[in-house]
ModelCIF file with pLDDT and N, C-alpha, C, O atoms, coordinates in Angstrom:
data_MODEL
#
_entry.id   MODEL 
#
_entity.id                         1 
_entity.type                       polymer 
_entity.pdbx_number_of_molecules   1 
#
_entity_poly.entity_id                      1 
_entity_poly.type                           'polypeptide(L)' 
_entity_poly.nstd_linkage                   no 
_entity_poly.nstd_monomer                   no 
_entity_poly.pdbx_seq_one_letter_code       EVVRCVQAGWLQSPQMPHAETLALLGWTDQLR 
_entity_poly.pdbx_seq_one_letter_code_can   EVVRCVQAGWLQSPQMPHAETLALLGWTDQLR 
_entity_poly.pdbx_strand_id                 A 
#
loop_
_entity_poly_seq.entity_id 
_entity_poly_seq.num 
_entity_poly_seq.mon_id 
_entity_poly_seq.hetero 
1 1  GLU n 
1 2  VAL n 
1 3  VAL n 
1 4  ARG n 
1 5  CYS n 
1 6  VAL n 
1 7  GLN n 
1 8  ALA n 
1 9  GLY n 
1 10 TRP n 
1 11 LEU n 
1 12 GLN n 
1 13 SER n 
1 14 PRO n 
1 15 GLN n 
1 16 MET n 
1 17 PRO n 
1 18 HIS n 
1 19 ALA n 
1 20 GLU n 
1 21 THR n 
1 22 LEU n 
1 23 ALA n 
1 24 LEU n 
1 25 LEU n 
1 26 GLY n 
1 27 TRP n 
1 28 THR n 
1 29 ASP n 
1 30 GLN n 
1 31 LEU n 
1 32 ARG n 
#
_struct_asym.id          A 
_struct_asym.entity_id   1 
#
loop_
_ma_qa_metric.id 
_ma_qa_metric.mode 
_ma_qa_metric.name 
_ma_qa_metric.software_group_id 
_ma_qa_metric.type 
1 global pLDDT . pLDDT 
2 local  pLDDT . pLDDT 
#
_ma_qa_metric_global.metric_id      1 
_ma_qa_metric_global.metric_value   97.88 
_ma_qa_metric_global.model_id       1 
_ma_qa_metric_global.ordinal_id     1 
#
loop_
_ma_qa_metric_local.label_asym_id 
_ma_qa_metric_local.label_comp_id 
_ma_qa_metric_local.label_seq_id 
_ma_qa_metric_local.metric_id 
_ma_qa_metric_local.metric_value 
_ma_qa_metric_local.model_id 
_ma_qa_metric_local.ordinal_id 
A GLU 1  2 98.00 1 1  
A VAL 2  2 98.00 1 2  
A VAL 3  2 98.00 1 3  
A ARG 4  2 98.00 1 4  
A CYS 5  2 98.00 1 5  
A VAL 6  2 98.00 1 6  
A GLN 7  2 96.00 1 7  
A ALA 8  2 98.00 1 8  
A GLY 9  2 98.00 1 9  
A TRP 10 2 98.00 1 10 
A LEU 11 2 98.00 1 11 
A GLN 12 2 98.00 1 12 
A SER 13 2 98.00 1 13 
A PRO 14 2 98.00 1 14 
A GLN 15 2 97.00 1 15 
A MET 16 2 98.00 1 16 
A PRO 17 2 98.00 1 17 
A HIS 18 2 98.00 1 18 
A ALA 19 2 98.00 1 19 
A GLU 20 2 98.00 1 20 
A THR 21 2 98.00 1 21 
A LEU 22 2 98.00 1 22 
A ALA 23 2 98.00 1 23 
A LEU 24 2 98.00 1 24 
A LEU 25 2 98.00 1 25 
A GLY 26 2 98.00 1 26 
A TRP 27 2 98.00 1 27 
A THR 28 2 98.00 1 28 
A ASP 29 2 98.00 1 29 
A GLN 30 2 98.00 1 30 
A LEU 31 2 98.00 1 31 
A ARG 32 2 97.00 1 32 
#
loop_
_atom_site.group_PDB 
_atom_site.id 
_atom_site.type_symbol 
_atom_site.label_atom_id 
_atom_site.label_alt_id 
_atom_site.label_comp_id 
_atom_site.label_asym_id 
_atom_site.label_entity_id 
_atom_site.label_seq_id 
_atom_site.pdbx_PDB_ins_code 
_atom_site.Cartn_x 
_atom_site.Cartn_y 
_atom_site.Cartn_z 
_atom_site.occupancy 
_atom_site.B_iso_or_equiv 
_atom_site.pdbx_formal_charge 
_atom_site.auth_seq_id 
_atom_site.auth_comp_id 
_atom_site.auth_asym_id 
_atom_site.auth_atom_id 
_atom_site.pdbx_PDB_model_num 
ATOM 1   N N  . GLU A 1 1  ? 40.912 4.844  -34.657 1.00 98.00 ? 1  GLU A N  1 
ATOM 2   C CA . GLU A 1 1  ? 41.622 3.203  -35.058 1.00 98.00 ? 1  GLU A CA 1 
ATOM 3   C C  . GLU A 1 1  ? 42.294 2.722  -36.084 1.00 98.00 ? 1  GLU A C  1 
ATOM 4   O O  . GLU A 1 1  ? 42.787 1.594  -36.074 1.00 98.00 ? 1  GLU A O  1 
ATOM 5   N N  . VAL A 1 2  ? 42.368 3.472  -36.988 1.00 98.00 ? 2  VAL A N  1 
ATOM 6   C CA . VAL A 1 2  ? 43.405 3.453  -38.399 1.00 98.00 ? 2  VAL A CA 1 
ATOM 7   C C  . VAL A 1 2  ? 44.765 3.283  -38.074 1.00 98.00 ? 2  VAL A C  1 
ATOM 8   O O  . VAL A 1 2  ? 45.417 2.484  -38.745 1.00 98.00 ? 2  VAL A O  1 
ATOM 9   N N  . VAL A 1 3  ? 45.381 3.996  -37.015 1.00 98.00 ? 3  VAL A N  1 
ATOM 10  C CA . VAL A 1 3  ? 46.357 4.398  -36.361 1.00 98.00 ? 3  VAL A CA 1 
ATOM 11  C C  . VAL A 1 3  ? 46.770 2.905  -35.199 1.00 98.00 ? 3  VAL A C  1 
ATOM 12  O O  . VAL A 1 3  ? 47.739 2.152  -35.293 1.00 98.00 ? 3  VAL A O  1 
ATOM 13  N N  . ARG A 1 4  ? 45.771 2.879  -34.281 1.00 98.00 ? 4  ARG A N  1 
ATOM 14  C CA . ARG A 1 4  ? 45.100 2.067  -33.561 1.00 98.00 ? 4  ARG A CA 1 
ATOM 15  C C  . ARG A 1 4  ? 46.076 0.134  -34.451 1.00 98.00 ? 4  ARG A C  1 
ATOM 16  O O  . ARG A 1 4  ? 47.019 -0.426 -33.893 1.00 98.00 ? 4  ARG A O  1 
ATOM 17  N N  . CYS A 1 5  ? 45.484 -0.327 -35.683 1.00 98.00 ? 5  CYS A N  1 
ATOM 18  C CA . CYS A 1 5  ? 45.418 -1.215 -36.301 1.00 98.00 ? 5  CYS A CA 1 
ATOM 19  C C  . CYS A 1 5  ? 46.358 -1.062 -36.618 1.00 98.00 ? 5  CYS A C  1 
ATOM 20  O O  . CYS A 1 5  ? 47.276 -1.403 -35.872 1.00 98.00 ? 5  CYS A O  1 
ATOM 21  N N  . VAL A 1 6  ? 46.663 -0.434 -37.964 1.00 98.00 ? 6  VAL A N  1 
ATOM 22  C CA . VAL A 1 6  ? 48.097 -0.733 -38.691 1.00 98.00 ? 6  VAL A CA 1 
ATOM 23  C C  . VAL A 1 6  ? 49.278 -0.819 -38.063 1.00 98.00 ? 6  VAL A C  1 
ATOM 24  O O  . VAL A 1 6  ? 50.164 -1.480 -38.604 1.00 98.00 ? 6  VAL A O  1 
ATOM 25  N N  . GLN A 1 7  ? 49.577 -0.040 -36.547 1.00 96.00 ? 7  GLN A N  1 
ATOM 26  C CA . GLN A 1 7  ? 50.295 -0.100 -35.352 1.00 96.00 ? 7  GLN A CA 1 
ATOM 27  C C  . GLN A 1 7  ? 50.352 -1.373 -34.759 1.00 96.00 ? 7  GLN A C  1 
ATOM 28  O O  . GLN A 1 7  ? 51.462 -1.587 -34.272 1.00 96.00 ? 7  GLN A O  1 
ATOM 29  N N  . ALA A 1 8  ? 49.413 -2.450 -34.605 1.00 98.00 ? 8  ALA A N  1 
ATOM 30  C CA . ALA A 1 8  ? 49.010 -3.934 -34.398 1.00 98.00 ? 8  ALA A CA 1 
ATOM 31  C C  . ALA A 1 8  ? 49.148 -4.195 -35.472 1.00 98.00 ? 8  ALA A C  1 
ATOM 32  O O  . ALA A 1 8  ? 48.589 -5.282 -35.323 1.00 98.00 ? 8  ALA A O  1 
ATOM 33  N N  . GLY A 1 9  ? 49.549 -4.197 -37.107 1.00 98.00 ? 9  GLY A N  1 
ATOM 34  C CA . GLY A 1 9  ? 50.060 -4.773 -37.979 1.00 98.00 ? 9  GLY A CA 1 
ATOM 35  C C  . GLY A 1 9  ? 48.662 -5.445 -38.401 1.00 98.00 ? 9  GLY A C  1 
ATOM 36  O O  . GLY A 1 9  ? 48.698 -6.493 -39.046 1.00 98.00 ? 9  GLY A O  1 
ATOM 37  N N  . TRP A 1 10 ? 47.771 -5.025 -38.149 1.00 98.00 ? 10 TRP A N  1 
ATOM 38  C CA . TRP A 1 10 ? 46.296 -5.438 -38.940 1.00 98.00 ? 10 TRP A CA 1 
ATOM 39  C C  . TRP A 1 10 ? 46.144 -4.609 -39.799 1.00 98.00 ? 10 TRP A C  1 
ATOM 40  O O  . TRP A 1 10 ? 46.426 -3.418 -39.928 1.00 98.00 ? 10 TRP A O  1 
ATOM 41  N N  . LEU A 1 11 ? 45.352 -5.859 -40.762 1.00 98.00 ? 11 LEU A N  1 
ATOM 42  C CA . LEU A 1 11 ? 45.115 -5.517 -42.163 1.00 98.00 ? 11 LEU A CA 1 
ATOM 43  C C  . LEU A 1 11 ? 43.283 -5.125 -42.004 1.00 98.00 ? 11 LEU A C  1 
ATOM 44  O O  . LEU A 1 11 ? 42.535 -4.743 -42.904 1.00 98.00 ? 11 LEU A O  1 
ATOM 45  N N  . GLN A 1 12 ? 43.131 -5.243 -41.340 1.00 98.00 ? 12 GLN A N  1 
ATOM 46  C CA . GLN A 1 12 ? 40.973 -4.631 -40.971 1.00 98.00 ? 12 GLN A CA 1 
ATOM 47  C C  . GLN A 1 12 ? 40.939 -4.477 -39.609 1.00 98.00 ? 12 GLN A C  1 
ATOM 48  O O  . GLN A 1 12 ? 41.410 -5.139 -38.685 1.00 98.00 ? 12 GLN A O  1 
ATOM 49  N N  . SER A 1 13 ? 39.998 -3.025 -39.695 1.00 98.00 ? 13 SER A N  1 
ATOM 50  C CA . SER A 1 13 ? 39.095 -3.487 -37.587 1.00 98.00 ? 13 SER A CA 1 
ATOM 51  C C  . SER A 1 13 ? 38.467 -4.046 -37.584 1.00 98.00 ? 13 SER A C  1 
ATOM 52  O O  . SER A 1 13 ? 37.710 -4.527 -38.427 1.00 98.00 ? 13 SER A O  1 
ATOM 53  N N  . PRO A 1 14 ? 38.733 -4.199 -35.884 1.00 98.00 ? 14 PRO A N  1 
ATOM 54  C CA . PRO A 1 14 ? 37.726 -5.309 -35.684 1.00 98.00 ? 14 PRO A CA 1 
ATOM 55  C C  . PRO A 1 14 ? 36.527 -3.951 -35.453 1.00 98.00 ? 14 PRO A C  1 
ATOM 56  O O  . PRO A 1 14 ? 36.429 -3.730 -34.246 1.00 98.00 ? 14 PRO A O  1 
ATOM 57  N N  . GLN A 1 15 ? 36.190 -3.605 -35.764 1.00 97.00 ? 15 GLN A N  1 
ATOM 58  C CA . GLN A 1 15 ? 35.234 -2.374 -35.458 1.00 97.00 ? 15 GLN A CA 1 
ATOM 59  C C  . GLN A 1 15 ? 34.208 -2.604 -36.592 1.00 97.00 ? 15 GLN A C  1 
ATOM 60  O O  . GLN A 1 15 ? 33.054 -3.031 -36.565 1.00 97.00 ? 15 GLN A O  1 
ATOM 61  N N  . MET A 1 16 ? 35.216 -2.069 -37.862 1.00 98.00 ? 16 MET A N  1 
ATOM 62  C CA . MET A 1 16 ? 34.793 -2.118 -39.396 1.00 98.00 ? 16 MET A CA 1 
ATOM 63  C C  . MET A 1 16 ? 35.430 -3.037 -40.038 1.00 98.00 ? 16 MET A C  1 
ATOM 64  O O  . MET A 1 16 ? 36.280 -2.620 -40.824 1.00 98.00 ? 16 MET A O  1 
ATOM 65  N N  . PRO A 1 17 ? 35.334 -3.828 -39.981 1.00 98.00 ? 17 PRO A N  1 
ATOM 66  C CA . PRO A 1 17 ? 35.532 -5.769 -40.840 1.00 98.00 ? 17 PRO A CA 1 
ATOM 67  C C  . PRO A 1 17 ? 35.470 -4.906 -42.279 1.00 98.00 ? 17 PRO A C  1 
ATOM 68  O O  . PRO A 1 17 ? 34.749 -3.921 -42.442 1.00 98.00 ? 17 PRO A O  1 
ATOM 69  N N  . HIS A 1 18 ? 36.266 -5.408 -43.174 1.00 98.00 ? 18 HIS A N  1 
ATOM 70  C CA . HIS A 1 18 ? 35.537 -5.310 -44.743 1.00 98.00 ? 18 HIS A CA 1 
ATOM 71  C C  . HIS A 1 18 ? 34.573 -6.323 -44.356 1.00 98.00 ? 18 HIS A C  1 
ATOM 72  O O  . HIS A 1 18 ? 33.623 -5.542 -44.412 1.00 98.00 ? 18 HIS A O  1 
ATOM 73  N N  . ALA A 1 19 ? 33.966 -7.544 -43.969 1.00 98.00 ? 19 ALA A N  1 
ATOM 74  C CA . ALA A 1 19 ? 33.055 -8.037 -44.541 1.00 98.00 ? 19 ALA A CA 1 
ATOM 75  C C  . ALA A 1 19 ? 31.512 -7.022 -44.270 1.00 98.00 ? 19 ALA A C  1 
ATOM 76  O O  . ALA A 1 19 ? 30.498 -6.948 -44.964 1.00 98.00 ? 19 ALA A O  1 
ATOM 77  N N  . GLU A 1 20 ? 31.924 -6.247 -42.799 1.00 98.00 ? 20 GLU A N  1 
ATOM 78  C CA . GLU A 1 20 ? 30.860 -5.050 -43.096 1.00 98.00 ? 20 GLU A CA 1 
ATOM 79  C C  . GLU A 1 20 ? 30.464 -4.222 -43.585 1.00 98.00 ? 20 GLU A C  1 
ATOM 80  O O  . GLU A 1 20 ? 29.395 -3.660 -43.349 1.00 98.00 ? 20 GLU A O  1 
ATOM 81  N N  . THR A 1 21 ? 31.615 -3.853 -44.741 1.00 98.00 ? 21 THR A N  1 
ATOM 82  C CA . THR A 1 21 ? 31.756 -3.000 -45.682 1.00 98.00 ? 21 THR A CA 1 
ATOM 83  C C  . THR A 1 21 ? 30.675 -3.834 -47.196 1.00 98.00 ? 21 THR A C  1 
ATOM 84  O O  . THR A 1 21 ? 30.095 -3.170 -48.055 1.00 98.00 ? 21 THR A O  1 
ATOM 85  N N  . LEU A 1 22 ? 30.682 -5.024 -47.134 1.00 98.00 ? 22 LEU A N  1 
ATOM 86  C CA . LEU A 1 22 ? 30.568 -5.929 -47.874 1.00 98.00 ? 22 LEU A CA 1 
ATOM 87  C C  . LEU A 1 22 ? 29.198 -6.141 -48.288 1.00 98.00 ? 22 LEU A C  1 
ATOM 88  O O  . LEU A 1 22 ? 28.647 -6.027 -49.383 1.00 98.00 ? 22 LEU A O  1 
ATOM 89  N N  . ALA A 1 23 ? 28.723 -6.530 -46.969 1.00 98.00 ? 23 ALA A N  1 
ATOM 90  C CA . ALA A 1 23 ? 27.397 -6.604 -46.170 1.00 98.00 ? 23 ALA A CA 1 
ATOM 91  C C  . ALA A 1 23 ? 26.359 -5.551 -46.378 1.00 98.00 ? 23 ALA A C  1 
ATOM 92  O O  . ALA A 1 23 ? 25.264 -5.831 -46.865 1.00 98.00 ? 23 ALA A O  1 
ATOM 93  N N  . LEU A 1 24 ? 26.796 -3.957 -45.898 1.00 98.00 ? 24 LEU A N  1 
ATOM 94  C CA . LEU A 1 24 ? 26.634 -2.633 -46.937 1.00 98.00 ? 24 LEU A CA 1 
ATOM 95  C C  . LEU A 1 24 ? 26.154 -2.854 -48.115 1.00 98.00 ? 24 LEU A C  1 
ATOM 96  O O  . LEU A 1 24 ? 24.925 -2.875 -48.059 1.00 98.00 ? 24 LEU A O  1 
ATOM 97  N N  . LEU A 1 25 ? 26.573 -3.037 -49.208 1.00 98.00 ? 25 LEU A N  1 
ATOM 98  C CA . LEU A 1 25 ? 26.808 -2.707 -50.157 1.00 98.00 ? 25 LEU A CA 1 
ATOM 99  C C  . LEU A 1 25 ? 26.237 -3.312 -50.717 1.00 98.00 ? 25 LEU A C  1 
ATOM 100 O O  . LEU A 1 25 ? 25.646 -2.954 -51.736 1.00 98.00 ? 25 LEU A O  1 
ATOM 101 N N  . GLY A 1 26 ? 26.218 -5.157 -49.923 1.00 98.00 ? 26 GLY A N  1 
ATOM 102 C CA . GLY A 1 26 ? 25.081 -5.460 -50.824 1.00 98.00 ? 26 GLY A CA 1 
ATOM 103 C C  . GLY A 1 26 ? 23.906 -5.580 -50.868 1.00 98.00 ? 26 GLY A C  1 
ATOM 104 O O  . GLY A 1 26 ? 23.130 -6.160 -51.628 1.00 98.00 ? 26 GLY A O  1 
ATOM 105 N N  . TRP A 1 27 ? 23.786 -4.829 -49.759 1.00 98.00 ? 27 TRP A N  1 
ATOM 106 C CA . TRP A 1 27 ? 22.021 -4.131 -48.766 1.00 98.00 ? 27 TRP A CA 1 
ATOM 107 C C  . TRP A 1 27 ? 21.887 -2.766 -50.511 1.00 98.00 ? 27 TRP A C  1 
ATOM 108 O O  . TRP A 1 27 ? 21.068 -2.599 -51.415 1.00 98.00 ? 27 TRP A O  1 
ATOM 109 N N  . THR A 1 28 ? 22.834 -2.323 -50.227 1.00 98.00 ? 28 THR A N  1 
ATOM 110 C CA . THR A 1 28 ? 22.114 -1.207 -51.423 1.00 98.00 ? 28 THR A CA 1 
ATOM 111 C C  . THR A 1 28 ? 22.249 -1.481 -52.395 1.00 98.00 ? 28 THR A C  1 
ATOM 112 O O  . THR A 1 28 ? 21.604 -0.834 -53.221 1.00 98.00 ? 28 THR A O  1 
ATOM 113 N N  . ASP A 1 29 ? 22.926 -2.311 -52.771 1.00 98.00 ? 29 ASP A N  1 
ATOM 114 C CA . ASP A 1 29 ? 23.518 -3.068 -54.615 1.00 98.00 ? 29 ASP A CA 1 
ATOM 115 C C  . ASP A 1 29 ? 21.381 -3.677 -54.420 1.00 98.00 ? 29 ASP A C  1 
ATOM 116 O O  . ASP A 1 29 ? 20.550 -3.126 -55.142 1.00 98.00 ? 29 ASP A O  1 
ATOM 117 N N  . GLN A 1 30 ? 21.120 -4.339 -53.801 1.00 98.00 ? 30 GLN A N  1 
ATOM 118 C CA . GLN A 1 30 ? 19.231 -4.827 -53.638 1.00 98.00 ? 30 GLN A CA 1 
ATOM 119 C C  . GLN A 1 30 ? 18.634 -3.633 -53.463 1.00 98.00 ? 30 GLN A C  1 
ATOM 120 O O  . GLN A 1 30 ? 18.118 -3.390 -54.554 1.00 98.00 ? 30 GLN A O  1 
ATOM 121 N N  . LEU A 1 31 ? 18.396 -2.718 -52.698 1.00 98.00 ? 31 LEU A N  1 
ATOM 122 C CA . LEU A 1 31 ? 17.201 -1.604 -52.848 1.00 98.00 ? 31 LEU A CA 1 
ATOM 123 C C  . LEU A 1 31 ? 17.435 -0.616 -54.188 1.00 98.00 ? 31 LEU A C  1 
ATOM 124 O O  . LEU A 1 31 ? 16.466 -0.032 -54.673 1.00 98.00 ? 31 LEU A O  1 
ATOM 125 N N  . ARG A 1 32 ? 18.960 -0.447 -54.831 1.00 97.00 ? 32 ARG A N  1 
ATOM 126 C CA . ARG A 1 32 ? 18.739 -0.107 -55.214 1.00 97.00 ? 32 ARG A CA 1 
ATOM 127 C C  . ARG A 1 32 ? 18.161 -0.500 -56.477 1.00 97.00 ? 32 ARG A C  1 
ATOM 128 O O  . ARG A 1 32 ? 17.703 0.352  -57.238 1.00 97.00 ? 32 ARG A O  1 
#
């Protein structure tokens, strides 16, 4: 996926976008 996205000139993966990372950490912050 990294190779695919970089070769396409994308800044993030549609399968694992930045928004997903941020949302997950928002949940872990709350639970911690």
